[in-house]
Amino acid sequence: MAKKGDYFGLPYIVSVILAIIPVTAWLCGAVTRFSEGKIVAGLIRLIFGFTIVWIIDLILMIFSKHILRLLNL
């Protein structure tokens, strides 16, 4: 059985591929945060998604298998 990734319960390798592509990382990251009820984090992701947030998410997805979860708002 494949390990679960962070985007919608998809396998880890699929989540990494989605995290590498900027547009899908931006969209999946925002949708994931909104679905978790983190409205402020989702809005920050939508506004600043193509900047340092994308790089941090990519690094964390590869090394810790989770996207950035700093805001619990």
PDB file of N, CA and C in Angstrom:
ATOM      1  N   MET A   1       0.841  -1.181   0.000  1.00  0.00           N
ATOM      2  CA  MET A   1       0.000   0.000   0.000  1.00  0.00           C
ATOM      3  C   MET A   1       0.886   1.244   0.000  1.00  0.00           C
ATOM      4  N   ALA A   2       0.534   2.202  -0.821  1.00  0.00           N
ATOM      5  CA  ALA A   2       1.314   3.434  -0.926  1.00  0.00           C
ATOM      6  C   ALA A   2       1.062   4.321   0.283  1.00  0.00           C
ATOM      7  N   LYS A   3       2.100   5.044   0.683  1.00  0.00           N
ATOM      8  CA  LYS A   3       1.956   5.966   1.795  1.00  0.00           C
ATOM      9  C   LYS A   3       1.109   7.147   1.355  1.00  0.00           C
ATOM     10  N   LYS A   4       0.294   7.643   2.273  1.00  0.00           N
ATOM     11  CA  LYS A   4      -0.569   8.768   1.969  1.00  0.00           C
ATOM     12  C   LYS A   4       0.231  10.063   2.015  1.00  0.00           C
ATOM     13  N   GLY A   5      -0.022  10.936   1.047  1.00  0.00           N
ATOM     14  CA  GLY A   5       0.620  12.244   1.004  1.00  0.00           C
ATOM     15  C   GLY A   5      -0.236  13.267   1.723  1.00  0.00           C
ATOM     16  N   ASP A   6       0.009  14.515   1.446  1.00  0.00           N
ATOM     17  CA  ASP A   6      -0.690  15.575   2.153  1.00  0.00           C
ATOM     18  C   ASP A   6      -1.827  16.188   1.352  1.00  0.00           C
ATOM     19  N   TYR A   7      -1.851  16.008   0.067  1.00  0.00           N
ATOM     20  CA  TYR A   7      -2.914  16.584  -0.750  1.00  0.00           C
ATOM     21  C   TYR A   7      -4.038  15.579  -0.933  1.00  0.00           C
ATOM     22  N   PHE A   8      -5.143  15.775  -0.240  1.00  0.00           N
ATOM     23  CA  PHE A   8      -6.376  15.008  -0.417  1.00  0.00           C
ATOM     24  C   PHE A   8      -6.202  13.513  -0.187  1.00  0.00           C
ATOM     25  N   GLY A   9      -5.218  13.091   0.563  1.00  0.00           N
ATOM     26  CA  GLY A   9      -5.001  11.681   0.816  1.00  0.00           C
ATOM     27  C   GLY A   9      -4.408  10.928  -0.362  1.00  0.00           C
ATOM     28  N   LEU A  10      -3.879  11.649  -1.324  1.00  0.00           N
ATOM     29  CA  LEU A  10      -3.237  11.021  -2.477  1.00  0.00           C
ATOM     30  C   LEU A  10      -1.919  10.377  -2.051  1.00  0.00           C
ATOM     31  N   PRO A  11      -1.412   9.429  -2.822  1.00  0.00           N
ATOM     32  CA  PRO A  11      -0.111   8.837  -2.493  1.00  0.00           C
ATOM     33  C   PRO A  11       0.993   9.901  -2.435  1.00  0.00           C
ATOM     34  N   TYR A  12       2.009   9.620  -1.667  1.00  0.00           N
ATOM     35  CA  TYR A  12       3.090  10.574  -1.428  1.00  0.00           C
ATOM     36  C   TYR A  12       3.734  11.063  -2.727  1.00  0.00           C
ATOM     37  N   ILE A  13       4.044  10.171  -3.646  1.00  0.00           N
ATOM     38  CA  ILE A  13       4.737  10.565  -4.868  1.00  0.00           C
ATOM     39  C   ILE A  13       3.859  11.490  -5.717  1.00  0.00           C
ATOM     40  N   VAL A  14       2.558  11.251  -5.727  1.00  0.00           N
ATOM     41  CA  VAL A  14       1.640  12.132  -6.467  1.00  0.00           C
ATOM     42  C   VAL A  14       1.601  13.510  -5.810  1.00  0.00           C
ATOM     43  N   SER A  15       1.594  13.534  -4.481  1.00  0.00           N
ATOM     44  CA  SER A  15       1.607  14.816  -3.769  1.00  0.00           C
ATOM     45  C   SER A  15       2.891  15.594  -4.040  1.00  0.00           C
ATOM     46  N   VAL A  16       4.021  14.908  -4.129  1.00  0.00           N
ATOM     47  CA  VAL A  16       5.287  15.574  -4.442  1.00  0.00           C
ATOM     48  C   VAL A  16       5.244  16.154  -5.858  1.00  0.00           C
ATOM     49  N   ILE A  17       4.725  15.393  -6.794  1.00  0.00           N
ATOM     50  CA  ILE A  17       4.624  15.893  -8.172  1.00  0.00           C
ATOM     51  C   ILE A  17       3.718  17.115  -8.227  1.00  0.00           C
ATOM     52  N   LEU A  18       2.603  17.074  -7.521  1.00  0.00           N
ATOM     53  CA  LEU A  18       1.708  18.235  -7.472  1.00  0.00           C
ATOM     54  C   LEU A  18       2.382  19.432  -6.795  1.00  0.00           C
ATOM     55  N   ALA A  19       3.232  19.181  -5.802  1.00  0.00           N
ATOM     56  CA  ALA A  19       3.929  20.261  -5.109  1.00  0.00           C
ATOM     57  C   ALA A  19       5.027  20.886  -5.972  1.00  0.00           C
ATOM     58  N   ILE A  20       5.579  20.126  -6.904  1.00  0.00           N
ATOM     59  CA  ILE A  20       6.640  20.656  -7.763  1.00  0.00           C
ATOM     60  C   ILE A  20       6.083  21.651  -8.778  1.00  0.00           C
ATOM     61  N   ILE A  21       4.900  21.401  -9.288  1.00  0.00           N
ATOM     62  CA  ILE A  21       4.283  22.275 -10.286  1.00  0.00           C
ATOM     63  C   ILE A  21       3.653  23.464  -9.555  1.00  0.00           C
ATOM     64  N   PRO A  22       4.109  24.686  -9.814  1.00  0.00           N
ATOM     65  CA  PRO A  22       3.647  25.842  -9.036  1.00  0.00           C
ATOM     66  C   PRO A  22       2.131  26.052  -9.032  1.00  0.00           C
ATOM     67  N   VAL A  23       1.487  25.918 -10.167  1.00  0.00           N
ATOM     68  CA  VAL A  23       0.049  26.187 -10.227  1.00  0.00           C
ATOM     69  C   VAL A  23      -0.738  25.153  -9.426  1.00  0.00           C
ATOM     70  N   THR A  24      -0.394  23.889  -9.566  1.00  0.00           N
ATOM     71  CA  THR A  24      -1.117  22.865  -8.810  1.00  0.00           C
ATOM     72  C   THR A  24      -0.797  22.942  -7.321  1.00  0.00           C
ATOM     73  N   ALA A  25       0.431  23.303  -6.979  1.00  0.00           N
ATOM     74  CA  ALA A  25       0.787  23.463  -5.565  1.00  0.00           C
ATOM     75  C   ALA A  25      -0.008  24.605  -4.949  1.00  0.00           C
ATOM     76  N   TRP A  26      -0.162  25.691  -5.692  1.00  0.00           N
ATOM     77  CA  TRP A  26      -0.927  26.851  -5.226  1.00  0.00           C
ATOM     78  C   TRP A  26      -2.387  26.475  -5.014  1.00  0.00           C
ATOM     79  N   LEU A  27      -2.969  25.823  -6.007  1.00  0.00           N
ATOM     80  CA  LEU A  27      -4.379  25.464  -5.938  1.00  0.00           C
ATOM     81  C   LEU A  27      -4.637  24.381  -4.892  1.00  0.00           C
ATOM     82  N   CYS A  28      -3.860  23.317  -4.906  1.00  0.00           N
ATOM     83  CA  CYS A  28      -4.049  22.224  -3.939  1.00  0.00           C
ATOM     84  C   CYS A  28      -3.785  22.688  -2.516  1.00  0.00           C
ATOM     85  N   GLY A  29      -2.780  23.535  -2.339  1.00  0.00           N
ATOM     86  CA  GLY A  29      -2.481  24.062  -1.008  1.00  0.00           C
ATOM     87  C   GLY A  29      -3.616  24.894  -0.455  1.00  0.00           C
ATOM     88  N   ALA A  30      -4.188  25.751  -1.302  1.00  0.00           N
ATOM     89  CA  ALA A  30      -5.304  26.594  -0.860  1.00  0.00           C
ATOM     90  C   ALA A  30      -6.538  25.749  -0.566  1.00  0.00           C
ATOM     91  N   VAL A  31      -6.868  24.828  -1.446  1.00  0.00           N
ATOM     92  CA  VAL A  31      -8.048  23.975  -1.243  1.00  0.00           C
ATOM     93  C   VAL A  31      -7.880  23.115   0.002  1.00  0.00           C
ATOM     94  N   THR A  32      -6.681  22.583   0.222  1.00  0.00           N
ATOM     95  CA  THR A  32      -6.418  21.768   1.404  1.00  0.00           C
ATOM     96  C   THR A  32      -6.628  22.580   2.675  1.00  0.00           C
ATOM     97  N   ARG A  33      -6.124  23.804   2.697  1.00  0.00           N
ATOM     98  CA  ARG A  33      -6.277  24.643   3.890  1.00  0.00           C
ATOM     99  C   ARG A  33      -7.737  25.033   4.115  1.00  0.00           C
ATOM    100  N   PHE A  34      -8.453  25.379   3.043  1.00  0.00           N
ATOM    101  CA  PHE A  34      -9.867  25.705   3.191  1.00  0.00           C
ATOM    102  C   PHE A  34     -10.676  24.495   3.661  1.00  0.00           C
ATOM    103  N   SER A  35     -10.361  23.316   3.158  1.00  0.00           N
ATOM    104  CA  SER A  35     -11.099  22.116   3.562  1.00  0.00           C
ATOM    105  C   SER A  35     -10.836  21.744   5.011  1.00  0.00           C
ATOM    106  N   GLU A  36      -9.685  22.157   5.547  1.00  0.00           N
ATOM    107  CA  GLU A  36      -9.377  21.921   6.962  1.00  0.00           C
ATOM    108  C   GLU A  36      -9.993  22.987   7.853  1.00  0.00           C
ATOM    109  N   GLY A  37     -10.643  23.978   7.251  1.00  0.00           N
ATOM    110  CA  GLY A  37     -11.273  25.045   8.016  1.00  0.00           C
ATOM    111  C   GLY A  37     -10.323  26.179   8.373  1.00  0.00           C
ATOM    112  N   LYS A  38      -9.168  26.222   7.766  1.00  0.00           N
ATOM    113  CA  LYS A  38      -8.179  27.264   8.039  1.00  0.00           C
ATOM    114  C   LYS A  38      -8.325  28.373   6.992  1.00  0.00           C
ATOM    115  N   ILE A  39      -9.305  29.241   7.206  1.00  0.00           N
ATOM    116  CA  ILE A  39      -9.664  30.265   6.229  1.00  0.00           C
ATOM    117  C   ILE A  39      -8.526  31.267   6.027  1.00  0.00           C
ATOM    118  N   VAL A  40      -7.946  31.755   7.101  1.00  0.00           N
ATOM    119  CA  VAL A  40      -6.862  32.740   6.992  1.00  0.00           C
ATOM    120  C   VAL A  40      -5.653  32.136   6.283  1.00  0.00           C
ATOM    121  N   ALA A  41      -5.305  30.911   6.636  1.00  0.00           N
ATOM    122  CA  ALA A  41      -4.176  30.240   5.983  1.00  0.00           C
ATOM    123  C   ALA A  41      -4.469  30.017   4.504  1.00  0.00           C
ATOM    124  N   GLY A  42      -5.716  29.698   4.165  1.00  0.00           N
ATOM    125  CA  GLY A  42      -6.096  29.536   2.766  1.00  0.00           C
ATOM    126  C   GLY A  42      -5.995  30.829   1.987  1.00  0.00           C
ATOM    127  N   LEU A  43      -6.416  31.923   2.595  1.00  0.00           N
ATOM    128  CA  LEU A  43      -6.311  33.229   1.940  1.00  0.00           C
ATOM    129  C   LEU A  43      -4.858  33.654   1.758  1.00  0.00           C
ATOM    130  N   ILE A  44      -4.037  33.406   2.767  1.00  0.00           N
ATOM    131  CA  ILE A  44      -2.602  33.706   2.643  1.00  0.00           C
ATOM    132  C   ILE A  44      -1.995  32.882   1.528  1.00  0.00           C
ATOM    133  N   ARG A  45      -2.404  31.634   1.432  1.00  0.00           N
ATOM    134  CA  ARG A  45      -1.889  30.763   0.360  1.00  0.00           C
ATOM    135  C   ARG A  45      -2.317  31.277  -1.012  1.00  0.00           C
ATOM    136  N   LEU A  46      -3.559  31.745  -1.137  1.00  0.00           N
ATOM    137  CA  LEU A  46      -4.026  32.277  -2.413  1.00  0.00           C
ATOM    138  C   LEU A  46      -3.274  33.548  -2.802  1.00  0.00           C
ATOM    139  N   ILE A  47      -2.994  34.399  -1.827  1.00  0.00           N
ATOM    140  CA  ILE A  47      -2.335  35.684  -2.115  1.00  0.00           C
ATOM    141  C   ILE A  47      -0.839  35.522  -2.335  1.00  0.00           C
ATOM    142  N   PHE A  48      -0.172  34.747  -1.478  1.00  0.00           N
ATOM    143  CA  PHE A  48       1.292  34.625  -1.530  1.00  0.00           C
ATOM    144  C   PHE A  48       1.762  33.257  -2.009  1.00  0.00           C
ATOM    145  N   GLY A  49       0.921  32.513  -2.705  1.00  0.00           N
ATOM    146  CA  GLY A  49       1.203  31.135  -3.068  1.00  0.00           C
ATOM    147  C   GLY A  49       2.374  30.934  -4.011  1.00  0.00           C
ATOM    148  N   PHE A  50       2.687  31.915  -4.846  1.00  0.00           N
ATOM    149  CA  PHE A  50       3.771  31.737  -5.815  1.00  0.00           C
ATOM    150  C   PHE A  50       5.089  32.325  -5.326  1.00  0.00           C
ATOM    151  N   THR A  51       5.203  32.595  -4.052  1.00  0.00           N
ATOM    152  CA  THR A  51       6.431  33.172  -3.498  1.00  0.00           C
ATOM    153  C   THR A  51       7.117  32.134  -2.615  1.00  0.00           C
ATOM    154  N   ILE A  52       7.646  32.578  -1.531  1.00  0.00           N
ATOM    155  CA  ILE A  52       8.409  31.724  -0.623  1.00  0.00           C
ATOM    156  C   ILE A  52       7.557  30.588  -0.055  1.00  0.00           C
ATOM    157  N   VAL A  53       6.243  30.795   0.018  1.00  0.00           N
ATOM    158  CA  VAL A  53       5.354  29.752   0.539  1.00  0.00           C
ATOM    159  C   VAL A  53       5.451  28.491  -0.312  1.00  0.00           C
ATOM    160  N   TRP A  54       5.528  28.653  -1.632  1.00  0.00           N
ATOM    161  CA  TRP A  54       5.639  27.502  -2.534  1.00  0.00           C
ATOM    162  C   TRP A  54       6.958  26.756  -2.303  1.00  0.00           C
ATOM    163  N   ILE A  55       8.041  27.484  -2.143  1.00  0.00           N
ATOM    164  CA  ILE A  55       9.352  26.860  -1.924  1.00  0.00           C
ATOM    165  C   ILE A  55       9.367  26.108  -0.591  1.00  0.00           C
ATOM    166  N   ILE A  56       8.812  26.717   0.447  1.00  0.00           N
ATOM    167  CA  ILE A  56       8.758  26.067   1.760  1.00  0.00           C
ATOM    168  C   ILE A  56       7.898  24.812   1.698  1.00  0.00           C
ATOM    169  N   ASP A  57       6.737  24.917   1.050  1.00  0.00           N
ATOM    170  CA  ASP A  57       5.875  23.740   0.910  1.00  0.00           C
ATOM    171  C   ASP A  57       6.579  22.622   0.161  1.00  0.00           C
ATOM    172  N   LEU A  58       7.282  22.956  -0.894  1.00  0.00           N
ATOM    173  CA  LEU A  58       7.986  21.947  -1.685  1.00  0.00           C
ATOM    174  C   LEU A  58       9.059  21.241  -0.855  1.00  0.00           C
ATOM    175  N   ILE A  59       9.857  22.008  -0.134  1.00  0.00           N
ATOM    176  CA  ILE A  59      10.911  21.432   0.705  1.00  0.00           C
ATOM    177  C   ILE A  59      10.308  20.550   1.802  1.00  0.00           C
ATOM    178  N   LEU A  60       9.254  21.044   2.458  1.00  0.00           N
ATOM    179  CA  LEU A  60       8.630  20.248   3.517  1.00  0.00           C
ATOM    180  C   LEU A  60       7.955  19.004   2.968  1.00  0.00           C
ATOM    181  N   MET A  61       7.347  19.100   1.788  1.00  0.00           N
ATOM    182  CA  MET A  61       6.700  17.930   1.201  1.00  0.00           C
ATOM    183  C   MET A  61       7.735  16.837   0.900  1.00  0.00           C
ATOM    184  N   ILE A  62       8.891  17.237   0.413  1.00  0.00           N
ATOM    185  CA  ILE A  62       9.921  16.261   0.066  1.00  0.00           C
ATOM    186  C   ILE A  62      10.553  15.643   1.321  1.00  0.00           C
ATOM    187  N   PHE A  63      10.870  16.469   2.303  1.00  0.00           N
ATOM    188  CA  PHE A  63      11.609  15.966   3.460  1.00  0.00           C
ATOM    189  C   PHE A  63      10.747  15.473   4.619  1.00  0.00           C
ATOM    190  N   SER A  64       9.606  16.124   4.874  1.00  0.00           N
ATOM    191  CA  SER A  64       8.797  15.705   6.021  1.00  0.00           C
ATOM    192  C   SER A  64       7.454  15.098   5.619  1.00  0.00           C
ATOM    193  N   LYS A  65       7.166  15.092   4.305  1.00  0.00           N
ATOM    194  CA  LYS A  65       5.930  14.521   3.765  1.00  0.00           C
ATOM    195  C   LYS A  65       4.679  15.273   4.195  1.00  0.00           C
ATOM    196  N   HIS A  66       4.819  16.539   4.586  1.00  0.00           N
ATOM    197  CA  HIS A  66       3.675  17.378   4.937  1.00  0.00           C
ATOM    198  C   HIS A  66       3.905  18.788   4.421  1.00  0.00           C
ATOM    199  N   ILE A  67       2.807  19.459   4.052  1.00  0.00           N
ATOM    200  CA  ILE A  67       2.932  20.852   3.635  1.00  0.00           C
ATOM    201  C   ILE A  67       2.981  21.743   4.873  1.00  0.00           C
ATOM    202  N   LEU A  68       3.332  22.982   4.657  1.00  0.00           N
ATOM    203  CA  LEU A  68       3.488  23.943   5.747  1.00  0.00           C
ATOM    204  C   LEU A  68       2.182  24.122   6.514  1.00  0.00           C
ATOM    205  N   ARG A  69       2.237  23.977   7.807  1.00  0.00           N
ATOM    206  CA  ARG A  69       1.043  24.138   8.664  1.00  0.00           C
ATOM    207  C   ARG A  69       1.383  25.016   9.868  1.00  0.00           C
ATOM    208  N   LEU A  70       1.709  26.264   9.604  1.00  0.00           N
ATOM    209  CA  LEU A  70       2.052  27.178  10.690  1.00  0.00           C
ATOM    210  C   LEU A  70       0.821  27.821  11.316  1.00  0.00           C
ATOM    211  N   LEU A  71      -0.179  28.115  10.490  1.00  0.00           N
ATOM    212  CA  LEU A  71      -1.336  28.835  10.989  1.00  0.00           C
ATOM    213  C   LEU A  71      -2.472  27.879  11.319  1.00  0.00           C
ATOM    214  N   ASN A  72      -2.934  27.937  12.530  1.00  0.00           N
ATOM    215  CA  ASN A  72      -4.088  27.134  12.936  1.00  0.00           C
ATOM    216  C   ASN A  72      -5.307  28.028  13.071  1.00  0.00           C
ATOM    217  N   LEU A  73      -5.417  29.011  12.192  1.00  0.00           N
ATOM    218  CA  LEU A  73      -6.531  29.969  12.250  1.00  0.00           C
ATOM    219  C   LEU A  73      -7.685  29.496  11.418  1.00  0.00           C
TER     220      LEU A  73
END
